[in-house]
Amino acid sequence: MRTIQINEAETNFPALLTAVEAGEEIALTRQGRVVARMLPGPRRSPPPRQRWEEAKIALEASMGVATGLLSPLD
């Protein structure tokens, strides 16, 4: 985790957001003490229908099984 002083964070905020979006954690300090942390937000998972389509394609490819009769549980 990178540590940065608050006054420096104020001037470089856009660059810090880019780093956090890439997965980096940043501690913000004032007078040598950590007062806040910037953490990446939760990753969004694809909607259930899209995940089902991905699973169906993987099943058909790996086992040679036709999944036309299967449907997702909604």
PDB file of N, CA and C in Angstrom:
ATOM      1  N   MET A   1       0.845  -1.166   0.000  1.00  0.00           N
ATOM      2  CA  MET A   1       0.000   0.000   0.000  1.00  0.00           C
ATOM      3  C   MET A   1       0.894   1.234   0.000  1.00  0.00           C
ATOM      4  N   ARG A   2       0.588   2.130  -0.905  1.00  0.00           N
ATOM      5  CA  ARG A   2       1.344   3.376  -1.009  1.00  0.00           C
ATOM      6  C   ARG A   2       0.809   4.372   0.016  1.00  0.00           C
ATOM      7  N   THR A   3       1.712   5.162   0.596  1.00  0.00           N
ATOM      8  CA  THR A   3       1.342   6.197   1.561  1.00  0.00           C
ATOM      9  C   THR A   3       1.650   7.557   0.960  1.00  0.00           C
ATOM     10  N   ILE A   4       0.705   8.489   1.099  1.00  0.00           N
ATOM     11  CA  ILE A   4       0.878   9.813   0.520  1.00  0.00           C
ATOM     12  C   ILE A   4       0.269  10.849   1.457  1.00  0.00           C
ATOM     13  N   GLN A   5       0.909  12.020   1.550  1.00  0.00           N
ATOM     14  CA  GLN A   5       0.396  13.094   2.403  1.00  0.00           C
ATOM     15  C   GLN A   5      -0.845  13.712   1.757  1.00  0.00           C
ATOM     16  N   ILE A   6      -1.759  14.186   2.587  1.00  0.00           N
ATOM     17  CA  ILE A   6      -3.022  14.727   2.095  1.00  0.00           C
ATOM     18  C   ILE A   6      -2.810  15.905   1.153  1.00  0.00           C
ATOM     19  N   ASN A   7      -1.895  16.812   1.484  1.00  0.00           N
ATOM     20  CA  ASN A   7      -1.695  17.972   0.605  1.00  0.00           C
ATOM     21  C   ASN A   7      -1.175  17.552  -0.768  1.00  0.00           C
ATOM     22  N   GLU A   8      -0.381  16.502  -0.822  1.00  0.00           N
ATOM     23  CA  GLU A   8       0.085  15.980  -2.109  1.00  0.00           C
ATOM     24  C   GLU A   8      -1.062  15.278  -2.848  1.00  0.00           C
ATOM     25  N   ALA A   9      -1.930  14.590  -2.095  1.00  0.00           N
ATOM     26  CA  ALA A   9      -3.072  13.912  -2.700  1.00  0.00           C
ATOM     27  C   ALA A   9      -4.029  14.910  -3.342  1.00  0.00           C
ATOM     28  N   GLU A  10      -4.177  16.070  -2.730  1.00  0.00           N
ATOM     29  CA  GLU A  10      -5.070  17.092  -3.279  1.00  0.00           C
ATOM     30  C   GLU A  10      -4.613  17.544  -4.666  1.00  0.00           C
ATOM     31  N   THR A  11      -3.321  17.652  -4.855  1.00  0.00           N
ATOM     32  CA  THR A  11      -2.811  18.125  -6.146  1.00  0.00           C
ATOM     33  C   THR A  11      -2.764  17.017  -7.194  1.00  0.00           C
ATOM     34  N   ASN A  12      -2.720  15.755  -6.758  1.00  0.00           N
ATOM     35  CA  ASN A  12      -2.598  14.627  -7.692  1.00  0.00           C
ATOM     36  C   ASN A  12      -3.821  13.713  -7.668  1.00  0.00           C
ATOM     37  N   PHE A  13      -4.975  14.248  -7.290  1.00  0.00           N
ATOM     38  CA  PHE A  13      -6.156  13.413  -7.099  1.00  0.00           C
ATOM     39  C   PHE A  13      -6.539  12.583  -8.331  1.00  0.00           C
ATOM     40  N   PRO A  14      -6.592  13.150  -9.539  1.00  0.00           N
ATOM     41  CA  PRO A  14      -6.958  12.327 -10.700  1.00  0.00           C
ATOM     42  C   PRO A  14      -6.019  11.130 -10.913  1.00  0.00           C
ATOM     43  N   ALA A  15      -4.733  11.336 -10.725  1.00  0.00           N
ATOM     44  CA  ALA A  15      -3.775  10.240 -10.887  1.00  0.00           C
ATOM     45  C   ALA A  15      -3.968   9.182  -9.804  1.00  0.00           C
ATOM     46  N   LEU A  16      -4.301   9.618  -8.592  1.00  0.00           N
ATOM     47  CA  LEU A  16      -4.544   8.662  -7.512  1.00  0.00           C
ATOM     48  C   LEU A  16      -5.787   7.826  -7.801  1.00  0.00           C
ATOM     49  N   LEU A  17      -6.822   8.459  -8.329  1.00  0.00           N
ATOM     50  CA  LEU A  17      -8.032   7.705  -8.678  1.00  0.00           C
ATOM     51  C   LEU A  17      -7.742   6.656  -9.746  1.00  0.00           C
ATOM     52  N   THR A  18      -6.916   7.002 -10.698  1.00  0.00           N
ATOM     53  CA  THR A  18      -6.541   6.046 -11.738  1.00  0.00           C
ATOM     54  C   THR A  18      -5.814   4.854 -11.126  1.00  0.00           C
ATOM     55  N   ALA A  19      -4.913   5.123 -10.178  1.00  0.00           N
ATOM     56  CA  ALA A  19      -4.175   4.049  -9.512  1.00  0.00           C
ATOM     57  C   ALA A  19      -5.117   3.158  -8.704  1.00  0.00           C
ATOM     58  N   VAL A  20      -6.072   3.760  -8.017  1.00  0.00           N
ATOM     59  CA  VAL A  20      -7.025   2.992  -7.217  1.00  0.00           C
ATOM     60  C   VAL A  20      -7.928   2.157  -8.132  1.00  0.00           C
ATOM     61  N   GLU A  21      -8.346   2.715  -9.245  1.00  0.00           N
ATOM     62  CA  GLU A  21      -9.152   1.952 -10.198  1.00  0.00           C
ATOM     63  C   GLU A  21      -8.400   0.731 -10.709  1.00  0.00           C
ATOM     64  N   ALA A  22      -7.085   0.834 -10.780  1.00  0.00           N
ATOM     65  CA  ALA A  22      -6.251  -0.277 -11.242  1.00  0.00           C
ATOM     66  C   ALA A  22      -6.011  -1.309 -10.135  1.00  0.00           C
ATOM     67  N   GLY A  23      -6.541  -1.052  -8.924  1.00  0.00           N
ATOM     68  CA  GLY A  23      -6.436  -2.022  -7.838  1.00  0.00           C
ATOM     69  C   GLY A  23      -5.501  -1.654  -6.711  1.00  0.00           C
ATOM     70  N   GLU A  24      -4.848  -0.519  -6.793  1.00  0.00           N
ATOM     71  CA  GLU A  24      -3.902  -0.109  -5.759  1.00  0.00           C
ATOM     72  C   GLU A  24      -4.638   0.472  -4.548  1.00  0.00           C
ATOM     73  N   GLU A  25      -4.096   0.241  -3.349  1.00  0.00           N
ATOM     74  CA  GLU A  25      -4.614   0.857  -2.132  1.00  0.00           C
ATOM     75  C   GLU A  25      -3.669   1.985  -1.746  1.00  0.00           C
ATOM     76  N   ILE A  26      -4.234   3.119  -1.321  1.00  0.00           N
ATOM     77  CA  ILE A  26      -3.421   4.287  -0.977  1.00  0.00           C
ATOM     78  C   ILE A  26      -3.840   4.787   0.392  1.00  0.00           C
ATOM     79  N   ALA A  27      -2.864   4.981   1.283  1.00  0.00           N
ATOM     80  CA  ALA A  27      -3.110   5.539   2.610  1.00  0.00           C
ATOM     81  C   ALA A  27      -2.817   7.036   2.565  1.00  0.00           C
ATOM     82  N   LEU A  28      -3.742   7.825   3.090  1.00  0.00           N
ATOM     83  CA  LEU A  28      -3.564   9.282   3.153  1.00  0.00           C
ATOM     84  C   LEU A  28      -3.160   9.652   4.568  1.00  0.00           C
ATOM     85  N   THR A  29      -2.072  10.430   4.674  1.00  0.00           N
ATOM     86  CA  THR A  29      -1.548  10.763   5.998  1.00  0.00           C
ATOM     87  C   THR A  29      -1.571  12.259   6.247  1.00  0.00           C
ATOM     88  N   ARG A  30      -1.679  12.608   7.540  1.00  0.00           N
ATOM     89  CA  ARG A  30      -1.536  13.993   7.997  1.00  0.00           C
ATOM     90  C   ARG A  30      -0.595  13.938   9.200  1.00  0.00           C
ATOM     91  N   GLN A  31       0.489  14.657   9.107  1.00  0.00           N
ATOM     92  CA  GLN A  31       1.513  14.692  10.154  1.00  0.00           C
ATOM     93  C   GLN A  31       1.978  13.291  10.528  1.00  0.00           C
ATOM     94  N   GLY A  32       2.143  12.446   9.489  1.00  0.00           N
ATOM     95  CA  GLY A  32       2.681  11.113   9.694  1.00  0.00           C
ATOM     96  C   GLY A  32       1.680  10.065  10.148  1.00  0.00           C
ATOM     97  N   ARG A  33       0.424  10.448  10.378  1.00  0.00           N
ATOM     98  CA  ARG A  33      -0.599   9.484  10.823  1.00  0.00           C
ATOM     99  C   ARG A  33      -1.588   9.216   9.699  1.00  0.00           C
ATOM    100  N   VAL A  34      -1.934   7.959   9.513  1.00  0.00           N
ATOM    101  CA  VAL A  34      -2.920   7.604   8.488  1.00  0.00           C
ATOM    102  C   VAL A  34      -4.290   8.082   8.956  1.00  0.00           C
ATOM    103  N   VAL A  35      -4.937   8.895   8.121  1.00  0.00           N
ATOM    104  CA  VAL A  35      -6.266   9.409   8.456  1.00  0.00           C
ATOM    105  C   VAL A  35      -7.345   8.870   7.517  1.00  0.00           C
ATOM    106  N   ALA A  36      -6.946   8.311   6.382  1.00  0.00           N
ATOM    107  CA  ALA A  36      -7.914   7.748   5.440  1.00  0.00           C
ATOM    108  C   ALA A  36      -7.197   6.787   4.502  1.00  0.00           C
ATOM    109  N   ARG A  37      -7.988   5.910   3.891  1.00  0.00           N
ATOM    110  CA  ARG A  37      -7.452   5.004   2.881  1.00  0.00           C
ATOM    111  C   ARG A  37      -8.345   5.055   1.657  1.00  0.00           C
ATOM    112  N   MET A  38      -7.729   5.008   0.502  1.00  0.00           N
ATOM    113  CA  MET A  38      -8.457   4.914  -0.756  1.00  0.00           C
ATOM    114  C   MET A  38      -8.351   3.464  -1.216  1.00  0.00           C
ATOM    115  N   LEU A  39      -9.516   2.825  -1.412  1.00  0.00           N
ATOM    116  CA  LEU A  39      -9.568   1.423  -1.797  1.00  0.00           C
ATOM    117  C   LEU A  39     -10.348   1.273  -3.088  1.00  0.00           C
ATOM    118  N   PRO A  40     -10.010   0.283  -3.895  1.00  0.00           N
ATOM    119  CA  PRO A  40     -10.797   0.053  -5.106  1.00  0.00           C
ATOM    120  C   PRO A  40     -12.208  -0.388  -4.732  1.00  0.00           C
ATOM    121  N   GLY A  41     -13.164   0.012  -5.536  1.00  0.00           N
ATOM    122  CA  GLY A  41     -14.544  -0.396  -5.323  1.00  0.00           C
ATOM    123  C   GLY A  41     -14.747  -1.844  -5.706  1.00  0.00           C
ATOM    124  N   PRO A  42     -15.902  -2.387  -5.372  1.00  0.00           N
ATOM    125  CA  PRO A  42     -16.166  -3.789  -5.723  1.00  0.00           C
ATOM    126  C   PRO A  42     -16.249  -3.970  -7.227  1.00  0.00           C
ATOM    127  N   ARG A  43     -15.773  -5.079  -7.683  1.00  0.00           N
ATOM    128  CA  ARG A  43     -15.852  -5.407  -9.104  1.00  0.00           C
ATOM    129  C   ARG A  43     -17.288  -5.809  -9.422  1.00  0.00           C
ATOM    130  N   ARG A  44     -17.792  -5.314 -10.530  1.00  0.00           N
ATOM    131  CA  ARG A  44     -19.149  -5.670 -10.929  1.00  0.00           C
ATOM    132  C   ARG A  44     -19.123  -6.996 -11.671  1.00  0.00           C
ATOM    133  N   SER A  45     -19.991  -7.898 -11.257  1.00  0.00           N
ATOM    134  CA  SER A  45     -20.087  -9.164 -11.974  1.00  0.00           C
ATOM    135  C   SER A  45     -21.099  -9.008 -13.103  1.00  0.00           C
ATOM    136  N   PRO A  46     -20.955  -9.811 -14.138  1.00  0.00           N
ATOM    137  CA  PRO A  46     -21.899  -9.701 -15.247  1.00  0.00           C
ATOM    138  C   PRO A  46     -23.300 -10.089 -14.784  1.00  0.00           C
ATOM    139  N   PRO A  47     -24.319  -9.636 -15.483  1.00  0.00           N
ATOM    140  CA  PRO A  47     -25.679 -10.002 -15.106  1.00  0.00           C
ATOM    141  C   PRO A  47     -25.886 -11.508 -15.191  1.00  0.00           C
ATOM    142  N   PRO A  48     -26.830 -12.067 -14.443  1.00  0.00           N
ATOM    143  CA  PRO A  48     -27.016 -13.524 -14.417  1.00  0.00           C
ATOM    144  C   PRO A  48     -27.202 -14.139 -15.801  1.00  0.00           C
ATOM    145  N   ARG A  49     -27.939 -13.489 -16.684  1.00  0.00           N
ATOM    146  CA  ARG A  49     -28.183 -14.053 -18.014  1.00  0.00           C
ATOM    147  C   ARG A  49     -26.862 -14.211 -18.773  1.00  0.00           C
ATOM    148  N   GLN A  50     -25.987 -13.224 -18.671  1.00  0.00           N
ATOM    149  CA  GLN A  50     -24.700 -13.307 -19.365  1.00  0.00           C
ATOM    150  C   GLN A  50     -23.851 -14.426 -18.779  1.00  0.00           C
ATOM    151  N   ARG A  51     -23.847 -14.582 -17.455  1.00  0.00           N
ATOM    152  CA  ARG A  51     -23.070 -15.661 -16.837  1.00  0.00           C
ATOM    153  C   ARG A  51     -23.595 -17.018 -17.292  1.00  0.00           C
ATOM    154  N   TRP A  52     -24.921 -17.153 -17.435  1.00  0.00           N
ATOM    155  CA  TRP A  52     -25.492 -18.407 -17.886  1.00  0.00           C
ATOM    156  C   TRP A  52     -25.022 -18.730 -19.296  1.00  0.00           C
ATOM    157  N   GLU A  53     -25.027 -17.738 -20.150  1.00  0.00           N
ATOM    158  CA  GLU A  53     -24.580 -17.967 -21.524  1.00  0.00           C
ATOM    159  C   GLU A  53     -23.128 -18.423 -21.550  1.00  0.00           C
ATOM    160  N   GLU A  54     -22.274 -17.820 -20.713  1.00  0.00           N
ATOM    161  CA  GLU A  54     -20.870 -18.218 -20.661  1.00  0.00           C
ATOM    162  C   GLU A  54     -20.729 -19.653 -20.168  1.00  0.00           C
ATOM    163  N   ALA A  55     -21.508 -20.028 -19.154  1.00  0.00           N
ATOM    164  CA  ALA A  55     -21.448 -21.386 -18.619  1.00  0.00           C
ATOM    165  C   ALA A  55     -21.958 -22.392 -19.642  1.00  0.00           C
ATOM    166  N   LYS A  56     -23.010 -22.033 -20.349  1.00  0.00           N
ATOM    167  CA  LYS A  56     -23.582 -22.922 -21.357  1.00  0.00           C
ATOM    168  C   LYS A  56     -22.571 -23.188 -22.472  1.00  0.00           C
ATOM    169  N   ILE A  57     -21.900 -22.148 -22.923  1.00  0.00           N
ATOM    170  CA  ILE A  57     -20.895 -22.303 -23.977  1.00  0.00           C
ATOM    171  C   ILE A  57     -19.751 -23.190 -23.487  1.00  0.00           C
ATOM    172  N   ALA A  58     -19.309 -22.989 -22.256  1.00  0.00           N
ATOM    173  CA  ALA A  58     -18.217 -23.796 -21.703  1.00  0.00           C
ATOM    174  C   ALA A  58     -18.633 -25.256 -21.588  1.00  0.00           C
ATOM    175  N   LEU A  59     -19.867 -25.512 -21.158  1.00  0.00           N
ATOM    176  CA  LEU A  59     -20.354 -26.880 -21.020  1.00  0.00           C
ATOM    177  C   LEU A  59     -20.418 -27.570 -22.377  1.00  0.00           C
ATOM    178  N   GLU A  60     -20.961 -26.885 -23.348  1.00  0.00           N
ATOM    179  CA  GLU A  60     -21.071 -27.471 -24.679  1.00  0.00           C
ATOM    180  C   GLU A  60     -19.689 -27.765 -25.265  1.00  0.00           C
ATOM    181  N   ALA A  61     -18.753 -26.855 -25.055  1.00  0.00           N
ATOM    182  CA  ALA A  61     -17.420 -27.025 -25.622  1.00  0.00           C
ATOM    183  C   ALA A  61     -16.645 -28.150 -24.936  1.00  0.00           C
ATOM    184  N   SER A  62     -16.735 -28.235 -23.618  1.00  0.00           N
ATOM    185  CA  SER A  62     -15.910 -29.204 -22.897  1.00  0.00           C
ATOM    186  C   SER A  62     -16.484 -30.614 -22.938  1.00  0.00           C
ATOM    187  N   MET A  63     -17.802 -30.751 -22.985  1.00  0.00           N
ATOM    188  CA  MET A  63     -18.405 -32.079 -22.893  1.00  0.00           C
ATOM    189  C   MET A  63     -19.125 -32.505 -24.163  1.00  0.00           C
ATOM    190  N   GLY A  64     -19.243 -31.606 -25.111  1.00  0.00           N
ATOM    191  CA  GLY A  64     -19.966 -31.940 -26.323  1.00  0.00           C
ATOM    192  C   GLY A  64     -21.449 -32.157 -26.067  1.00  0.00           C
ATOM    193  N   VAL A  65     -21.987 -31.482 -25.065  1.00  0.00           N
ATOM    194  CA  VAL A  65     -23.382 -31.642 -24.673  1.00  0.00           C
ATOM    195  C   VAL A  65     -24.183 -30.473 -25.212  1.00  0.00           C
ATOM    196  N   ALA A  66     -25.328 -30.767 -25.818  1.00  0.00           N
ATOM    197  CA  ALA A  66     -26.218 -29.700 -26.265  1.00  0.00           C
ATOM    198  C   ALA A  66     -27.063 -29.256 -25.077  1.00  0.00           C
ATOM    199  N   THR A  67     -27.083 -27.973 -24.810  1.00  0.00           N
ATOM    200  CA  THR A  67     -27.806 -27.468 -23.648  1.00  0.00           C
ATOM    201  C   THR A  67     -29.101 -26.778 -24.035  1.00  0.00           C
ATOM    202  N   GLY A  68     -29.606 -27.058 -25.209  1.00  0.00           N
ATOM    203  CA  GLY A  68     -30.823 -26.384 -25.673  1.00  0.00           C
ATOM    204  C   GLY A  68     -32.016 -26.606 -24.775  1.00  0.00           C
ATOM    205  N   LEU A  69     -32.088 -27.741 -24.070  1.00  0.00           N
ATOM    206  CA  LEU A  69     -33.232 -28.021 -23.207  1.00  0.00           C
ATOM    207  C   LEU A  69     -33.052 -27.450 -21.801  1.00  0.00           C
ATOM    208  N   LEU A  70     -31.860 -26.986 -21.486  1.00  0.00           N
ATOM    209  CA  LEU A  70     -31.609 -26.422 -20.163  1.00  0.00           C
ATOM    210  C   LEU A  70     -31.927 -24.932 -20.172  1.00  0.00           C
ATOM    211  N   SER A  71     -32.409 -24.437 -19.061  1.00  0.00           N
ATOM    212  CA  SER A  71     -32.665 -23.009 -18.942  1.00  0.00           C
ATOM    213  C   SER A  71     -32.185 -22.538 -17.582  1.00  0.00           C
ATOM    214  N   PRO A  72     -31.818 -21.278 -17.469  1.00  0.00           N
ATOM    215  CA  PRO A  72     -31.332 -20.770 -16.186  1.00  0.00           C
ATOM    216  C   PRO A  72     -32.472 -20.656 -15.188  1.00  0.00           C
ATOM    217  N   LEU A  73     -32.107 -20.722 -13.915  1.00  0.00           N
ATOM    218  CA  LEU A  73     -33.081 -20.490 -12.849  1.00  0.00           C
ATOM    219  C   LEU A  73     -33.154 -19.006 -12.588  1.00  0.00           C
ATOM    220  N   ASP A  74     -34.261 -18.382 -12.887  1.00  0.00           N
ATOM    221  CA  ASP A  74     -34.403 -16.937 -12.676  1.00  0.00           C
ATOM    222  C   ASP A  74     -35.097 -16.655 -11.380  1.00  0.00           C
TER     223      ASP A  74
END
